[in-house]
Amino acid sequence: MGLLKELLLLPAAPVRGTFWVLGQVAAEAERQYYDPATVRRELAVLEQQLMDSELDEAEFDRREDELLDRLEHPTRAAADPRRK
C-alpha cells in the first residue's frame, strides 16, 4: 500500500517539497525571532539608542515592551522544557 500511495502522489512531489521547505524556513525564522540572545542584543541596541538620544522615552518604552513580550512568548516556553 505504501508503494502504491507514493506512486500516486509522485506528481505532487515538487509541491509537497516546496511546502516542506517553506515550513522549515518559517520555523527557523520564528526560532531566531524569539531567541533570547537575539532579543537581548536588540534590547542593548535599543538602550544605546536611548542614551544617544536617537529615541524618545515613549518610543523606547513601546519598543522595549515589544521585545520583552517576545521573551515571554508561549512558543518559547513550550519549546524549552526548563521553563514551566
PDB file of N, CA and C in Angstrom:
ATOM      1  N   MET A   1       0.820  -1.192   0.000  1.00  0.00           N
ATOM      2  CA  MET A   1       0.000   0.000   0.000  1.00  0.00           C
ATOM      3  C   MET A   1       0.862   1.254   0.000  1.00  0.00           C
ATOM      4  N   GLY A   2       1.966   1.264   0.766  1.00  0.00           N
ATOM      5  CA  GLY A   2       2.837   2.436   0.842  1.00  0.00           C
ATOM      6  C   GLY A   2       3.455   2.789  -0.502  1.00  0.00           C
ATOM      7  N   LEU A   3       3.886   1.766  -1.249  1.00  0.00           N
ATOM      8  CA  LEU A   3       4.491   1.994  -2.551  1.00  0.00           C
ATOM      9  C   LEU A   3       3.469   2.561  -3.527  1.00  0.00           C
ATOM     10  N   LEU A   4       2.262   2.012  -3.523  1.00  0.00           N
ATOM     11  CA  LEU A   4       1.200   2.490  -4.396  1.00  0.00           C
ATOM     12  C   LEU A   4       0.855   3.951  -4.076  1.00  0.00           C
ATOM     13  N   LYS A   5       0.777   4.246  -2.808  1.00  0.00           N
ATOM     14  CA  LYS A   5       0.485   5.630  -2.380  1.00  0.00           C
ATOM     15  C   LYS A   5       1.569   6.584  -2.887  1.00  0.00           C
ATOM     16  N   GLU A   6       2.827   6.198  -2.741  1.00  0.00           N
ATOM     17  CA  GLU A   6       3.932   7.044  -3.187  1.00  0.00           C
ATOM     18  C   GLU A   6       3.907   7.233  -4.700  1.00  0.00           C
ATOM     19  N   LEU A   7       3.566   6.183  -5.437  1.00  0.00           N
ATOM     20  CA  LEU A   7       3.485   6.305  -6.892  1.00  0.00           C
ATOM     21  C   LEU A   7       2.363   7.253  -7.311  1.00  0.00           C
ATOM     22  N   LEU A   8       1.235   7.149  -6.619  1.00  0.00           N
ATOM     23  CA  LEU A   8       0.117   8.029  -6.946  1.00  0.00           C
ATOM     24  C   LEU A   8       0.405   9.480  -6.580  1.00  0.00           C
ATOM     25  N   LEU A   9       1.166   9.692  -5.526  1.00  0.00           N
ATOM     26  CA  LEU A   9       1.465  11.058  -5.086  1.00  0.00           C
ATOM     27  C   LEU A   9       2.726  11.631  -5.723  1.00  0.00           C
ATOM     28  N   LEU A  10       3.423  10.853  -6.545  1.00  0.00           N
ATOM     29  CA  LEU A  10       4.662  11.297  -7.174  1.00  0.00           C
ATOM     30  C   LEU A  10       4.507  12.608  -7.952  1.00  0.00           C
ATOM     31  N   PRO A  11       3.441  12.794  -8.732  1.00  0.00           N
ATOM     32  CA  PRO A  11       3.313  14.076  -9.446  1.00  0.00           C
ATOM     33  C   PRO A  11       3.225  15.291  -8.510  1.00  0.00           C
ATOM     34  N   ALA A  12       2.783  15.086  -7.280  1.00  0.00           N
ATOM     35  CA  ALA A  12       2.661  16.200  -6.338  1.00  0.00           C
ATOM     36  C   ALA A  12       3.944  16.420  -5.544  1.00  0.00           C
ATOM     37  N   ALA A  13       4.985  15.635  -5.785  1.00  0.00           N
ATOM     38  CA  ALA A  13       6.223  15.723  -5.005  1.00  0.00           C
ATOM     39  C   ALA A  13       6.842  17.127  -5.019  1.00  0.00           C
ATOM     40  N   PRO A  14       6.921  17.805  -6.159  1.00  0.00           N
ATOM     41  CA  PRO A  14       7.505  19.158  -6.119  1.00  0.00           C
ATOM     42  C   PRO A  14       6.710  20.122  -5.230  1.00  0.00           C
ATOM     43  N   VAL A  15       5.408  20.006  -5.263  1.00  0.00           N
ATOM     44  CA  VAL A  15       4.573  20.875  -4.433  1.00  0.00           C
ATOM     45  C   VAL A  15       4.766  20.535  -2.963  1.00  0.00           C
ATOM     46  N   ARG A  16       4.761  19.244  -2.647  1.00  0.00           N
ATOM     47  CA  ARG A  16       4.974  18.821  -1.256  1.00  0.00           C
ATOM     48  C   ARG A  16       6.339  19.255  -0.770  1.00  0.00           C
ATOM     49  N   GLY A  17       7.341  19.136  -1.635  1.00  0.00           N
ATOM     50  CA  GLY A  17       8.701  19.561  -1.276  1.00  0.00           C
ATOM     51  C   GLY A  17       8.779  21.051  -1.024  1.00  0.00           C
ATOM     52  N   THR A  18       8.096  21.817  -1.853  1.00  0.00           N
ATOM     53  CA  THR A  18       8.083  23.270  -1.685  1.00  0.00           C
ATOM     54  C   THR A  18       7.442  23.658  -0.362  1.00  0.00           C
ATOM     55  N   PHE A  19       6.327  23.028  -0.033  1.00  0.00           N
ATOM     56  CA  PHE A  19       5.670  23.331   1.242  1.00  0.00           C
ATOM     57  C   PHE A  19       6.539  22.924   2.431  1.00  0.00           C
ATOM     58  N   TRP A  20       7.265  21.806   2.291  1.00  0.00           N
ATOM     59  CA  TRP A  20       8.149  21.384   3.370  1.00  0.00           C
ATOM     60  C   TRP A  20       9.260  22.421   3.585  1.00  0.00           C
ATOM     61  N   VAL A  21       9.861  22.876   2.488  1.00  0.00           N
ATOM     62  CA  VAL A  21      10.933  23.875   2.589  1.00  0.00           C
ATOM     63  C   VAL A  21      10.395  25.164   3.208  1.00  0.00           C
ATOM     64  N   LEU A  22       9.239  25.608   2.770  1.00  0.00           N
ATOM     65  CA  LEU A  22       8.650  26.820   3.333  1.00  0.00           C
ATOM     66  C   LEU A  22       8.371  26.664   4.823  1.00  0.00           C
ATOM     67  N   GLY A  23       7.914  25.499   5.221  1.00  0.00           N
ATOM     68  CA  GLY A  23       7.683  25.236   6.643  1.00  0.00           C
ATOM     69  C   GLY A  23       8.965  25.287   7.454  1.00  0.00           C
ATOM     70  N   GLN A  24      10.040  24.738   6.884  1.00  0.00           N
ATOM     71  CA  GLN A  24      11.333  24.770   7.569  1.00  0.00           C
ATOM     72  C   GLN A  24      11.860  26.195   7.701  1.00  0.00           C
ATOM     73  N   VAL A  25      11.716  26.977   6.643  1.00  0.00           N
ATOM     74  CA  VAL A  25      12.174  28.374   6.678  1.00  0.00           C
ATOM     75  C   VAL A  25      11.372  29.171   7.706  1.00  0.00           C
ATOM     76  N   ALA A  26      10.068  28.974   7.731  1.00  0.00           N
ATOM     77  CA  ALA A  26       9.225  29.684   8.692  1.00  0.00           C
ATOM     78  C   ALA A  26       9.569  29.288  10.124  1.00  0.00           C
ATOM     79  N   ALA A  27       9.818  28.013  10.364  1.00  0.00           N
ATOM     80  CA  ALA A  27      10.164  27.551  11.709  1.00  0.00           C
ATOM     81  C   ALA A  27      11.494  28.154  12.164  1.00  0.00           C
ATOM     82  N   GLU A  28      12.466  28.209  11.281  1.00  0.00           N
ATOM     83  CA  GLU A  28      13.766  28.785  11.639  1.00  0.00           C
ATOM     84  C   GLU A  28      13.652  30.285  11.878  1.00  0.00           C
ATOM     85  N   ALA A  29      12.871  30.967  11.054  1.00  0.00           N
ATOM     86  CA  ALA A  29      12.682  32.407  11.248  1.00  0.00           C
ATOM     87  C   ALA A  29      12.030  32.684  12.599  1.00  0.00           C
ATOM     88  N   GLU A  30      11.036  31.880  12.959  1.00  0.00           N
ATOM     89  CA  GLU A  30      10.376  32.060  14.255  1.00  0.00           C
ATOM     90  C   GLU A  30      11.331  31.747  15.398  1.00  0.00           C
ATOM     91  N   ARG A  31      12.145  30.713  15.245  1.00  0.00           N
ATOM     92  CA  ARG A  31      13.111  30.369  16.286  1.00  0.00           C
ATOM     93  C   ARG A  31      14.085  31.527  16.520  1.00  0.00           C
ATOM     94  N   GLN A  32      14.578  32.115  15.435  1.00  0.00           N
ATOM     95  CA  GLN A  32      15.506  33.238  15.568  1.00  0.00           C
ATOM     96  C   GLN A  32      14.816  34.472  16.138  1.00  0.00           C
ATOM     97  N   TYR A  33      13.573  34.712  15.742  1.00  0.00           N
ATOM     98  CA  TYR A  33      12.832  35.887  16.204  1.00  0.00           C
ATOM     99  C   TYR A  33      12.633  35.851  17.714  1.00  0.00           C
ATOM    100  N   TYR A  34      12.355  34.671  18.270  1.00  0.00           N
ATOM    101  CA  TYR A  34      12.094  34.540  19.697  1.00  0.00           C
ATOM    102  C   TYR A  34      13.321  34.099  20.503  1.00  0.00           C
ATOM    103  N   ASP A  35      14.468  33.968  19.859  1.00  0.00           N
ATOM    104  CA  ASP A  35      15.683  33.554  20.543  1.00  0.00           C
ATOM    105  C   ASP A  35      16.066  34.601  21.597  1.00  0.00           C
ATOM    106  N   PRO A  36      16.241  34.178  22.852  1.00  0.00           N
ATOM    107  CA  PRO A  36      16.558  35.138  23.914  1.00  0.00           C
ATOM    108  C   PRO A  36      17.831  35.941  23.653  1.00  0.00           C
ATOM    109  N   ALA A  37      18.848  35.317  23.057  1.00  0.00           N
ATOM    110  CA  ALA A  37      20.089  36.041  22.782  1.00  0.00           C
ATOM    111  C   ALA A  37      19.846  37.168  21.775  1.00  0.00           C
ATOM    112  N   THR A  38      19.046  36.904  20.771  1.00  0.00           N
ATOM    113  CA  THR A  38      18.720  37.923  19.775  1.00  0.00           C
ATOM    114  C   THR A  38      17.946  39.074  20.416  1.00  0.00           C
ATOM    115  N   VAL A  39      16.981  38.735  21.246  1.00  0.00           N
ATOM    116  CA  VAL A  39      16.162  39.763  21.900  1.00  0.00           C
ATOM    117  C   VAL A  39      17.039  40.610  22.819  1.00  0.00           C
ATOM    118  N   ARG A  40      17.953  39.972  23.549  1.00  0.00           N
ATOM    119  CA  ARG A  40      18.844  40.736  24.445  1.00  0.00           C
ATOM    120  C   ARG A  40      19.740  41.686  23.661  1.00  0.00           C
ATOM    121  N   ARG A  41      20.240  41.231  22.517  1.00  0.00           N
ATOM    122  CA  ARG A  41      21.060  42.124  21.676  1.00  0.00           C
ATOM    123  C   ARG A  41      20.243  43.318  21.208  1.00  0.00           C
ATOM    124  N   GLU A  42      19.001  43.059  20.803  1.00  0.00           N
ATOM    125  CA  GLU A  42      18.140  44.143  20.347  1.00  0.00           C
ATOM    126  C   GLU A  42      17.809  45.104  21.489  1.00  0.00           C
ATOM    127  N   LEU A  43      17.654  44.567  22.699  1.00  0.00           N
ATOM    128  CA  LEU A  43      17.420  45.433  23.859  1.00  0.00           C
ATOM    129  C   LEU A  43      18.635  46.315  24.130  1.00  0.00           C
ATOM    130  N   ALA A  44      19.838  45.756  23.985  1.00  0.00           N
ATOM    131  CA  ALA A  44      21.056  46.540  24.193  1.00  0.00           C
ATOM    132  C   ALA A  44      21.173  47.658  23.160  1.00  0.00           C
ATOM    133  N   VAL A  45      20.858  47.344  21.918  1.00  0.00           N
ATOM    134  CA  VAL A  45      20.887  48.361  20.864  1.00  0.00           C
ATOM    135  C   VAL A  45      19.855  49.444  21.155  1.00  0.00           C
ATOM    136  N   LEU A  46      18.691  49.027  21.581  1.00  0.00           N
ATOM    137  CA  LEU A  46      17.623  49.974  21.899  1.00  0.00           C
ATOM    138  C   LEU A  46      18.042  50.906  23.035  1.00  0.00           C
ATOM    139  N   GLU A  47      18.649  50.351  24.061  1.00  0.00           N
ATOM    140  CA  GLU A  47      19.103  51.167  25.193  1.00  0.00           C
ATOM    141  C   GLU A  47      20.180  52.151  24.754  1.00  0.00           C
ATOM    142  N   GLN A  48      21.070  51.696  23.872  1.00  0.00           N
ATOM    143  CA  GLN A  48      22.114  52.592  23.363  1.00  0.00           C
ATOM    144  C   GLN A  48      21.505  53.729  22.554  1.00  0.00           C
ATOM    145  N   GLN A  49      20.480  53.423  21.775  1.00  0.00           N
ATOM    146  CA  GLN A  49      19.806  54.470  21.008  1.00  0.00           C
ATOM    147  C   GLN A  49      19.162  55.497  21.932  1.00  0.00           C
ATOM    148  N   LEU A  50      18.617  55.044  23.042  1.00  0.00           N
ATOM    149  CA  LEU A  50      18.031  55.964  24.019  1.00  0.00           C
ATOM    150  C   LEU A  50      19.115  56.847  24.620  1.00  0.00           C
ATOM    151  N   MET A  51      20.246  56.239  24.986  1.00  0.00           N
ATOM    152  CA  MET A  51      21.357  57.007  25.566  1.00  0.00           C
ATOM    153  C   MET A  51      21.918  58.027  24.580  1.00  0.00           C
ATOM    154  N   ASP A  52      21.918  57.668  23.295  1.00  0.00           N
ATOM    155  CA  ASP A  52      22.438  58.568  22.257  1.00  0.00           C
ATOM    156  C   ASP A  52      21.393  59.571  21.785  1.00  0.00           C
ATOM    157  N   SER A  53      20.235  59.586  22.424  1.00  0.00           N
ATOM    158  CA  SER A  53      19.118  60.484  22.096  1.00  0.00           C
ATOM    159  C   SER A  53      18.583  60.275  20.684  1.00  0.00           C
ATOM    160  N   GLU A  54      18.711  59.058  20.186  1.00  0.00           N
ATOM    161  CA  GLU A  54      18.134  58.725  18.881  1.00  0.00           C
ATOM    162  C   GLU A  54      16.658  58.380  19.018  1.00  0.00           C
ATOM    163  N   LEU A  55      16.229  58.020  20.241  1.00  0.00           N
ATOM    164  CA  LEU A  55      14.835  57.685  20.524  1.00  0.00           C
ATOM    165  C   LEU A  55      14.354  58.524  21.693  1.00  0.00           C
ATOM    166  N   ASP A  56      13.064  58.838  21.674  1.00  0.00           N
ATOM    167  CA  ASP A  56      12.499  59.475  22.860  1.00  0.00           C
ATOM    168  C   ASP A  56      12.017  58.386  23.816  1.00  0.00           C
ATOM    169  N   GLU A  57      11.662  58.789  25.009  1.00  0.00           N
ATOM    170  CA  GLU A  57      11.290  57.836  26.056  1.00  0.00           C
ATOM    171  C   GLU A  57      10.058  57.009  25.677  1.00  0.00           C
ATOM    172  N   ALA A  58       9.077  57.629  25.044  1.00  0.00           N
ATOM    173  CA  ALA A  58       7.845  56.915  24.672  1.00  0.00           C
ATOM    174  C   ALA A  58       8.132  55.829  23.637  1.00  0.00           C
ATOM    175  N   GLU A  59       8.934  56.151  22.635  1.00  0.00           N
ATOM    176  CA  GLU A  59       9.283  55.161  21.606  1.00  0.00           C
ATOM    177  C   GLU A  59      10.111  54.030  22.215  1.00  0.00           C
ATOM    178  N   PHE A  60      11.032  54.390  23.096  1.00  0.00           N
ATOM    179  CA  PHE A  60      11.829  53.372  23.780  1.00  0.00           C
ATOM    180  C   PHE A  60      10.931  52.417  24.560  1.00  0.00           C
ATOM    181  N   ASP A  61      10.000  52.970  25.325  1.00  0.00           N
ATOM    182  CA  ASP A  61       9.097  52.136  26.125  1.00  0.00           C
ATOM    183  C   ASP A  61       8.263  51.212  25.249  1.00  0.00           C
ATOM    184  N   ARG A  62       7.752  51.729  24.135  1.00  0.00           N
ATOM    185  CA  ARG A  62       6.936  50.917  23.236  1.00  0.00           C
ATOM    186  C   ARG A  62       7.744  49.751  22.664  1.00  0.00           C
ATOM    187  N   ARG A  63       8.936  50.056  22.163  1.00  0.00           N
ATOM    188  CA  ARG A  63       9.760  49.012  21.548  1.00  0.00           C
ATOM    189  C   ARG A  63      10.309  48.034  22.583  1.00  0.00           C
ATOM    190  N   GLU A  64      10.615  48.549  23.778  1.00  0.00           N
ATOM    191  CA  GLU A  64      11.078  47.665  24.841  1.00  0.00           C
ATOM    192  C   GLU A  64       9.983  46.668  25.233  1.00  0.00           C
ATOM    193  N   ASP A  65       8.748  47.151  25.329  1.00  0.00           N
ATOM    194  CA  ASP A  65       7.625  46.259  25.652  1.00  0.00           C
ATOM    195  C   ASP A  65       7.469  45.160  24.601  1.00  0.00           C
ATOM    196  N   GLU A  66       7.628  45.520  23.328  1.00  0.00           N
ATOM    197  CA  GLU A  66       7.531  44.529  22.261  1.00  0.00           C
ATOM    198  C   GLU A  66       8.613  43.452  22.415  1.00  0.00           C
ATOM    199  N   LEU A  67       9.836  43.895  22.711  1.00  0.00           N
ATOM    200  CA  LEU A  67      10.932  42.940  22.872  1.00  0.00           C
ATOM    201  C   LEU A  67      10.724  42.048  24.094  1.00  0.00           C
ATOM    202  N   LEU A  68      10.263  42.629  25.185  1.00  0.00           N
ATOM    203  CA  LEU A  68      10.017  41.827  26.387  1.00  0.00           C
ATOM    204  C   LEU A  68       8.878  40.833  26.163  1.00  0.00           C
ATOM    205  N   ASP A  69       7.889  41.221  25.365  1.00  0.00           N
ATOM    206  CA  ASP A  69       6.812  40.287  25.014  1.00  0.00           C
ATOM    207  C   ASP A  69       7.360  39.091  24.238  1.00  0.00           C
ATOM    208  N   ARG A  70       8.357  39.352  23.376  1.00  0.00           N
ATOM    209  CA  ARG A  70       8.963  38.251  22.628  1.00  0.00           C
ATOM    210  C   ARG A  70       9.655  37.267  23.560  1.00  0.00           C
ATOM    211  N   LEU A  71      10.237  37.768  24.647  1.00  0.00           N
ATOM    212  CA  LEU A  71      10.888  36.875  25.613  1.00  0.00           C
ATOM    213  C   LEU A  71       9.884  35.990  26.324  1.00  0.00           C
ATOM    214  N   GLU A  72       8.661  36.465  26.468  1.00  0.00           N
ATOM    215  CA  GLU A  72       7.629  35.725  27.185  1.00  0.00           C
ATOM    216  C   GLU A  72       6.687  34.960  26.266  1.00  0.00           C
ATOM    217  N   HIS A  73       7.019  34.877  25.000  1.00  0.00           N
ATOM    218  CA  HIS A  73       6.144  34.237  24.014  1.00  0.00           C
ATOM    219  C   HIS A  73       5.890  32.784  24.387  1.00  0.00           C
ATOM    220  N   PRO A  74       4.647  32.306  24.276  1.00  0.00           N
ATOM    221  CA  PRO A  74       4.303  30.934  24.686  1.00  0.00           C
ATOM    222  C   PRO A  74       5.039  29.840  23.915  1.00  0.00           C
ATOM    223  N   THR A  75       5.392  30.054  22.654  1.00  0.00           N
ATOM    224  CA  THR A  75       6.091  29.002  21.919  1.00  0.00           C
ATOM    225  C   THR A  75       7.481  28.806  22.490  1.00  0.00           C
ATOM    226  N   ARG A  76       8.052  29.847  23.022  1.00  0.00           N
ATOM    227  CA  ARG A  76       9.372  29.719  23.638  1.00  0.00           C
ATOM    228  C   ARG A  76       9.279  28.876  24.898  1.00  0.00           C
ATOM    229  N   ALA A  77       8.260  29.121  25.706  1.00  0.00           N
ATOM    230  CA  ALA A  77       8.077  28.354  26.933  1.00  0.00           C
ATOM    231  C   ALA A  77       7.782  26.894  26.617  1.00  0.00           C
ATOM    232  N   ALA A  78       7.027  26.645  25.581  1.00  0.00           N
ATOM    233  CA  ALA A  78       6.687  25.266  25.211  1.00  0.00           C
ATOM    234  C   ALA A  78       7.909  24.532  24.660  1.00  0.00           C
ATOM    235  N   ALA A  79       8.782  25.257  23.968  1.00  0.00           N
ATOM    236  CA  ALA A  79       9.945  24.634  23.360  1.00  0.00           C
ATOM    237  C   ALA A  79      11.057  24.384  24.380  1.00  0.00           C
ATOM    238  N   ASP A  80      11.062  25.105  25.469  1.00  0.00           N
ATOM    239  CA  ASP A  80      12.117  24.981  26.478  1.00  0.00           C
ATOM    240  C   ASP A  80      11.563  24.241  27.684  1.00  0.00           C
ATOM    241  N   PRO A  81      11.920  22.982  27.878  1.00  0.00           N
ATOM    242  CA  PRO A  81      11.353  22.201  28.976  1.00  0.00           C
ATOM    243  C   PRO A  81      11.762  22.722  30.352  1.00  0.00           C
ATOM    244  N   ARG A  82      12.804  23.532  30.427  1.00  0.00           N
ATOM    245  CA  ARG A  82      13.222  24.082  31.722  1.00  0.00           C
ATOM    246  C   ARG A  82      12.283  25.170  32.201  1.00  0.00           C
ATOM    247  N   ARG A  83      11.533  25.804  31.287  1.00  0.00           N
ATOM    248  CA  ARG A  83      10.620  26.888  31.645  1.00  0.00           C
ATOM    249  C   ARG A  83       9.230  26.321  31.874  1.00  0.00           C
ATOM    250  N   LYS A  84       8.850  26.149  33.071  1.00  0.00           N
ATOM    251  CA  LYS A  84       7.498  25.678  33.395  1.00  0.00           C
ATOM    252  C   LYS A  84       6.971  26.437  34.580  1.00  0.00           C
TER     253      LYS A  84
END
